[in-house]
C-alpha atoms as a PDB file:
ATOM      1  CA  MET A   1       0.001  -0.020   0.012  1.00  0.00           C
ATOM      2  CA  TYR A   2       1.244   3.472  -0.895  1.00  0.00           C
ATOM      3  CA  ASP A   3       1.376   6.360   1.419  1.00  0.00           C
ATOM      4  CA  SER A   4       2.702   9.877   1.135  1.00  0.00           C
ATOM      5  CA  LYS A   5       6.026   8.986   2.669  1.00  0.00           C
ATOM      6  CA  ASN A   6       6.565   6.028   0.334  1.00  0.00           C
ATOM      7  CA  ILE A   7       5.723   8.077  -2.714  1.00  0.00           C
ATOM      8  CA  LYS A   8       8.192  10.851  -1.791  1.00  0.00           C
ATOM      9  CA  LYS A   9      10.905   8.342  -1.202  1.00  0.00           C
ATOM     10  CA  ILE A  10      10.264   6.658  -4.631  1.00  0.00           C
ATOM     11  CA  PHE A  11      10.228  10.037  -6.277  1.00  0.00           C
ATOM     12  CA  GLY A  12      13.356  11.344  -4.511  1.00  0.00           C
ATOM     13  CA  ALA A  13      15.300   8.182  -5.306  1.00  0.00           C
ATOM     14  CA  ASN A  14      14.429   8.543  -8.976  1.00  0.00           C
ATOM     15  CA  VAL A  15      15.484  12.182  -9.113  1.00  0.00           C
ATOM     16  CA  LYS A  16      18.842  11.220  -7.492  1.00  0.00           C
ATOM     17  CA  GLU A  17      19.275   8.297 -10.018  1.00  0.00           C
ATOM     18  CA  LEU A  18      18.586  10.580 -12.959  1.00  0.00           C
ATOM     19  CA  ARG A  19      20.820  13.390 -11.587  1.00  0.00           C
ATOM     20  CA  THR A  20      23.736  11.100 -10.896  1.00  0.00           C
ATOM     21  CA  ASN A  21      23.498   9.354 -14.237  1.00  0.00           C
ATOM     22  CA  LYS A  22      23.548  12.722 -15.961  1.00  0.00           C
ATOM     23  CA  GLY A  23      26.738  13.495 -14.017  1.00  0.00           C
ATOM     24  CA  ILE A  24      25.487  16.617 -12.365  1.00  0.00           C
ATOM     25  CA  THR A  25      25.734  17.882  -8.789  1.00  0.00           C
ATOM     26  CA  GLN A  26      22.859  18.826  -6.497  1.00  0.00           C
ATOM     27  CA  GLU A  27      24.006  22.374  -6.797  1.00  0.00           C
ATOM     28  CA  GLN A  28      23.822  22.335 -10.681  1.00  0.00           C
ATOM     29  CA  LEU A  29      20.302  20.831 -10.502  1.00  0.00           C
ATOM     30  CA  ALA A  30      19.207  23.329  -7.877  1.00  0.00           C
ATOM     31  CA  GLU A  31      20.536  26.207 -10.022  1.00  0.00           C
ATOM     32  CA  TYR A  32      18.517  24.939 -13.065  1.00  0.00           C
ATOM     33  CA  LEU A  33      15.325  24.466 -10.932  1.00  0.00           C
ATOM     34  CA  GLY A  34      15.720  27.837  -9.234  1.00  0.00           C
ATOM     35  CA  LEU A  35      16.022  26.025  -5.736  1.00  0.00           C
ATOM     36  CA  GLN A  36      18.567  25.932  -2.935  1.00  0.00           C
ATOM     37  CA  PRO A  37      20.929  22.958  -2.873  1.00  0.00           C
ATOM     38  CA  HIS A  38      19.525  21.763   0.409  1.00  0.00           C
ATOM     39  CA  SER A  39      16.088  21.553  -1.262  1.00  0.00           C
ATOM     40  CA  ILE A  40      17.506  18.982  -3.665  1.00  0.00           C
ATOM     41  CA  THR A  41      18.861  16.974  -0.657  1.00  0.00           C
ATOM     42  CA  LYS A  42      15.308  17.022   0.838  1.00  0.00           C
ATOM     43  CA  ILE A  43      13.638  15.966  -2.413  1.00  0.00           C
ATOM     44  CA  GLU A  44      16.167  13.035  -2.986  1.00  0.00           C
ATOM     45  CA  THR A  45      15.768  11.748   0.547  1.00  0.00           C
ATOM     46  CA  GLY A  46      11.975  11.907   0.446  1.00  0.00           C
ATOM     47  CA  ARG A  47      11.658  14.543   3.046  1.00  0.00           C
ATOM     48  CA  THR A  48       9.747  16.893   0.874  1.00  0.00           C
ATOM     49  CA  PHE A  49       7.818  16.803  -2.506  1.00  0.00           C
ATOM     50  CA  VAL A  50       7.987  19.195  -5.422  1.00  0.00           C
ATOM     51  CA  SER A  51       5.436  21.715  -6.784  1.00  0.00           C
ATOM     52  CA  SER A  52       3.968  21.221 -10.166  1.00  0.00           C
ATOM     53  CA  GLU A  53       6.238  23.918 -11.518  1.00  0.00           C
ATOM     54  CA  VAL A  54       9.359  22.139 -10.275  1.00  0.00           C
ATOM     55  CA  LEU A  55       7.988  18.841 -11.582  1.00  0.00           C
ATOM     56  CA  ALA A  56       7.594  20.374 -15.040  1.00  0.00           C
ATOM     57  CA  LYS A  57      11.151  21.660 -14.936  1.00  0.00           C
ATOM     58  CA  LEU A  58      12.451  18.218 -13.935  1.00  0.00           C
ATOM     59  CA  CYS A  59      10.519  16.585 -16.763  1.00  0.00           C
ATOM     60  CA  ASN A  60      11.957  19.080 -19.293  1.00  0.00           C
ATOM     61  CA  PHE A  61      15.426  18.807 -17.890  1.00  0.00           C
ATOM     62  CA  PHE A  62      15.626  15.037 -18.021  1.00  0.00           C
ATOM     63  CA  ASN A  63      13.251  14.824 -21.034  1.00  0.00           C
ATOM     64  CA  ILE A  64      10.837  12.338 -19.395  1.00  0.00           C
ATOM     65  CA  THR A  65       7.159  12.258 -18.455  1.00  0.00           C
ATOM     66  CA  PRO A  66       5.914  12.923 -14.849  1.00  0.00           C
ATOM     67  CA  SER A  67       4.949   9.328 -14.379  1.00  0.00           C
ATOM     68  CA  PHE A  68       8.532   8.276 -14.829  1.00  0.00           C
ATOM     69  CA  PHE A  69       9.363   9.655 -11.363  1.00  0.00           C
ATOM     70  CA  LEU A  70       6.880   7.324  -9.673  1.00  0.00           C
ATOM     71  CA  ASN A  71       8.272   4.119 -11.040  1.00  0.00           C
ATOM     72  CA  HIS A  72       9.758   1.848  -8.316  1.00  0.00           C
ATOM     73  CA  LYS A  73      13.234   1.828  -9.978  1.00  0.00           C
ATOM     74  CA  VAL A  74      14.120   3.818 -13.041  1.00  0.00           C
ATOM     75  CA  LYS A  75      16.370   2.346 -15.677  1.00  0.00           C
ATOM     76  CA  VAL A  76      18.463   4.968 -17.319  1.00  0.00           C
ATOM     77  CA  PHE A  77      20.383   3.678 -20.299  1.00  0.00           C
ATOM     78  CA  THR A  78      23.935   4.880 -20.530  1.00  0.00           C
ATOM     79  CA  GLN A  79      25.719   5.447 -23.723  1.00  0.00           C
ATOM     80  CA  ASP A  80      27.608   2.195 -23.091  1.00  0.00           C
ATOM     81  CA  ASP A  81      24.150   0.411 -22.803  1.00  0.00           C
ATOM     82  CA  ILE A  82      23.086   1.867 -26.115  1.00  0.00           C
ATOM     83  CA  ASP A  83      26.357   1.064 -27.887  1.00  0.00           C
ATOM     84  CA  PHE A  84      26.251  -2.416 -26.575  1.00  0.00           C
ATOM     85  CA  SER A  85      22.740  -2.903 -27.823  1.00  0.00           C
ATOM     86  CA  ASN A  86      23.593  -1.604 -31.254  1.00  0.00           C
ATOM     87  CA  GLU A  87      26.570  -3.994 -31.475  1.00  0.00           C
ATOM     88  CA  ILE A  88      24.364  -6.869 -30.596  1.00  0.00           C
ATOM     89  CA  LYS A  89      21.875  -5.812 -33.386  1.00  0.00           C
ATOM     90  CA  ARG A  90      24.795  -5.546 -35.798  1.00  0.00           C
ATOM     91  CA  LEU A  91      26.170  -8.978 -34.966  1.00  0.00           C
ATOM     92  CA  LEU A  92      22.773 -10.726 -34.644  1.00  0.00           C
ATOM     93  CA  PRO A  93      20.618  -9.076 -37.350  1.00  0.00           C
ATOM     94  CA  ASN A  94      18.199 -12.000 -37.628  1.00  0.00           C
ATOM     95  CA  PHE A  95      17.180 -12.000 -33.947  1.00  0.00           C
ATOM     96  CA  SER A  96      13.866 -10.356 -33.098  1.00  0.00           C
ATOM     97  CA  PRO A  97      13.911  -7.213 -30.871  1.00  0.00           C
ATOM     98  CA  THR A  98      12.325  -9.254 -28.079  1.00  0.00           C
ATOM     99  CA  LYS A  99      15.017 -11.932 -28.284  1.00  0.00           C
ATOM    100  CA  LEU A 100      17.763  -9.339 -28.496  1.00  0.00           C
ATOM    101  CA  ARG A 101      16.273  -7.534 -25.409  1.00  0.00           C
ATOM    102  CA  GLU A 102      16.273 -10.912 -23.532  1.00  0.00           C
ATOM    103  CA  ILE A 103      19.916 -11.556 -24.400  1.00  0.00           C
ATOM    104  CA  TYR A 104      20.854  -7.917 -23.448  1.00  0.00           C
ATOM    105  CA  ASN A 105      19.137  -8.121 -20.152  1.00  0.00           C
ATOM    106  CA  ILE A 106      20.867 -11.461 -19.234  1.00  0.00           C
ATOM    107  CA  LEU A 107      24.287 -10.130 -20.227  1.00  0.00           C
ATOM    108  CA  ASN A 108      23.625  -6.891 -18.417  1.00  0.00           C
ATOM    109  CA  VAL A 109      22.778  -8.801 -15.224  1.00  0.00           C
ATOM    110  CA  MET A 110      25.788 -11.114 -15.596  1.00  0.00           C
ATOM    111  CA  ASP A 111      27.985  -8.064 -16.002  1.00  0.00           C
ATOM    112  CA  LYS A 112      27.216  -6.547 -12.735  1.00  0.00           C
END
């Protein structure tokens, strides 16, 4: 069952995941959003939630939909992931996208 605290934690964890994958600091994100850096800490730790204005800025900054922030665990594909996927497609052109995705996911898990 979801409650306000749980939703804020999921949201905050996803903001942090997106921010770190983009390679930016809390200060840089705060500047873009027009917030204080300590506000980003509060968001990422689930202690506070964002206004609709800040949510819109986050969506535009990360080029995602609002619902993306409420997924339990976001999967952000790095350039290495994309390059690896393209290499698989090049080497195995007759495999269906579904089969390629299965192979990729297996290899991705084994690599970690």
